[in-house]
Amino acid sequence: MWLRAIGSLNSETRRKALADFCSAAHRQGDVYACTTASLPFLFALADDPAAPDCASVVDVLLSIGRESVDRATKSA
């Protein structure tokens, strides 16, 4: 539900969905299995020129990527 709403044309729906998604699937920067499972959709949305507010989606993708790299570096 959140992922579909992130692509909504309604800015308030998008904002709330992105905030709810981050609170559940990327809480305090953590990366969960559900976070990873959402990546194909987030990448598709970020790559869609017709999608509204791509910058917010890219920000979330960058945050997920940075956290994943940090964790991999710490565990190596």
C-alpha atoms as a PDB file:
ATOM      1  CA  MET A   1       0.000   0.000   0.000  1.00  0.00           C
ATOM      2  CA  TRP A   2       2.749   2.508   0.908  1.00  0.00           C
ATOM      3  CA  LEU A   3       4.782   1.820  -2.199  1.00  0.00           C
ATOM      4  CA  ARG A   4       1.826   2.437  -4.481  1.00  0.00           C
ATOM      5  CA  ALA A   5       0.936   5.623  -2.580  1.00  0.00           C
ATOM      6  CA  ILE A   6       4.508   6.934  -2.909  1.00  0.00           C
ATOM      7  CA  GLY A   7       3.763   7.264  -6.627  1.00  0.00           C
ATOM      8  CA  SER A   8       0.458   9.082  -6.042  1.00  0.00           C
ATOM      9  CA  LEU A   9      -0.279  12.327  -7.856  1.00  0.00           C
ATOM     10  CA  ASN A  10      -1.531  13.759  -4.552  1.00  0.00           C
ATOM     11  CA  SER A  11       1.395  15.390  -2.739  1.00  0.00           C
ATOM     12  CA  GLU A  12      -0.017  14.808   0.762  1.00  0.00           C
ATOM     13  CA  THR A  13      -0.664  11.127   0.004  1.00  0.00           C
ATOM     14  CA  ARG A  14       2.931  10.813  -1.274  1.00  0.00           C
ATOM     15  CA  ARG A  15       4.424  12.589   1.726  1.00  0.00           C
ATOM     16  CA  LYS A  16       2.502  10.468   4.243  1.00  0.00           C
ATOM     17  CA  ALA A  17       3.225   7.214   2.408  1.00  0.00           C
ATOM     18  CA  LEU A  18       6.951   7.939   2.218  1.00  0.00           C
ATOM     19  CA  ALA A  19       7.064   8.874   5.907  1.00  0.00           C
ATOM     20  CA  ASP A  20       5.116   5.746   6.887  1.00  0.00           C
ATOM     21  CA  PHE A  21       7.288   3.549   4.666  1.00  0.00           C
ATOM     22  CA  CYS A  22      10.476   4.951   6.175  1.00  0.00           C
ATOM     23  CA  SER A  23       9.110   4.552   9.705  1.00  0.00           C
ATOM     24  CA  ALA A  24       8.330   0.893   9.077  1.00  0.00           C
ATOM     25  CA  ALA A  25      10.868  -0.318   6.534  1.00  0.00           C
ATOM     26  CA  HIS A  26      13.850   1.954   7.147  1.00  0.00           C
ATOM     27  CA  ARG A  27      13.351   2.969  10.768  1.00  0.00           C
ATOM     28  CA  GLN A  28      16.331   4.869  12.162  1.00  0.00           C
ATOM     29  CA  GLY A  29      18.269   3.873   9.060  1.00  0.00           C
ATOM     30  CA  ASP A  30      17.929   0.125   9.571  1.00  0.00           C
ATOM     31  CA  VAL A  31      17.703  -2.136   6.549  1.00  0.00           C
ATOM     32  CA  TYR A  32      15.294  -5.059   6.840  1.00  0.00           C
ATOM     33  CA  ALA A  33      14.241  -7.809   4.439  1.00  0.00           C
ATOM     34  CA  CYS A  34      11.162  -5.757   3.553  1.00  0.00           C
ATOM     35  CA  THR A  35      13.413  -2.762   2.810  1.00  0.00           C
ATOM     36  CA  THR A  36      15.396  -4.854   0.365  1.00  0.00           C
ATOM     37  CA  ALA A  37      12.229  -6.280  -1.189  1.00  0.00           C
ATOM     38  CA  SER A  38      10.989  -2.740  -1.888  1.00  0.00           C
ATOM     39  CA  LEU A  39      14.091  -1.735  -3.861  1.00  0.00           C
ATOM     40  CA  PRO A  40      12.889  -2.806  -7.344  1.00  0.00           C
ATOM     41  CA  PHE A  41       9.750  -0.703  -6.956  1.00  0.00           C
ATOM     42  CA  LEU A  42      11.654   2.288  -5.579  1.00  0.00           C
ATOM     43  CA  PHE A  43      14.199   2.113  -8.414  1.00  0.00           C
ATOM     44  CA  ALA A  44      11.421   1.885 -11.001  1.00  0.00           C
ATOM     45  CA  LEU A  45       9.680   4.880  -9.461  1.00  0.00           C
ATOM     46  CA  ALA A  46      12.906   6.897  -9.361  1.00  0.00           C
ATOM     47  CA  ASP A  47      13.539   6.047 -13.020  1.00  0.00           C
ATOM     48  CA  ASP A  48      10.043   6.994 -14.204  1.00  0.00           C
ATOM     49  CA  PRO A  49      10.112  10.522 -15.686  1.00  0.00           C
ATOM     50  CA  ALA A  50       6.361  10.817 -15.127  1.00  0.00           C
ATOM     51  CA  ALA A  51       6.571   9.926 -11.429  1.00  0.00           C
ATOM     52  CA  PRO A  52       6.111  12.865  -9.078  1.00  0.00           C
ATOM     53  CA  ASP A  53       8.749  13.802  -6.494  1.00  0.00           C
ATOM     54  CA  CYS A  54      11.492  11.481  -7.692  1.00  0.00           C
ATOM     55  CA  ALA A  55      13.993  13.369  -5.539  1.00  0.00           C
ATOM     56  CA  SER A  56      12.396  12.070  -2.324  1.00  0.00           C
ATOM     57  CA  VAL A  57      12.517   8.504  -3.607  1.00  0.00           C
ATOM     58  CA  VAL A  58      16.172   8.908  -4.593  1.00  0.00           C
ATOM     59  CA  ASP A  59      16.924  10.291  -1.112  1.00  0.00           C
ATOM     60  CA  VAL A  60      15.439   7.154   0.441  1.00  0.00           C
ATOM     61  CA  LEU A  61      17.397   4.926  -1.953  1.00  0.00           C
ATOM     62  CA  LEU A  62      20.616   6.748  -1.072  1.00  0.00           C
ATOM     63  CA  SER A  63      19.910   6.369   2.628  1.00  0.00           C
ATOM     64  CA  ILE A  64      19.275   2.642   2.230  1.00  0.00           C
ATOM     65  CA  GLY A  65      22.459   2.277   0.181  1.00  0.00           C
ATOM     66  CA  ARG A  66      24.617   4.225   2.625  1.00  0.00           C
ATOM     67  CA  GLU A  67      23.354   2.210   5.582  1.00  0.00           C
ATOM     68  CA  SER A  68      23.925  -1.062   3.732  1.00  0.00           C
ATOM     69  CA  VAL A  69      27.495  -0.085   2.842  1.00  0.00           C
ATOM     70  CA  ASP A  70      28.200   1.081   6.398  1.00  0.00           C
ATOM     71  CA  ARG A  71      26.944  -2.187   7.830  1.00  0.00           C
ATOM     72  CA  ALA A  72      28.916  -4.264   5.318  1.00  0.00           C
ATOM     73  CA  THR A  73      32.067  -2.309   6.084  1.00  0.00           C
ATOM     74  CA  LYS A  74      31.641  -2.738   9.844  1.00  0.00           C
ATOM     75  CA  SER A  75      31.067  -6.490   9.547  1.00  0.00           C
ATOM     76  CA  ALA A  76      34.034  -7.073   7.230  1.00  0.00           C
END
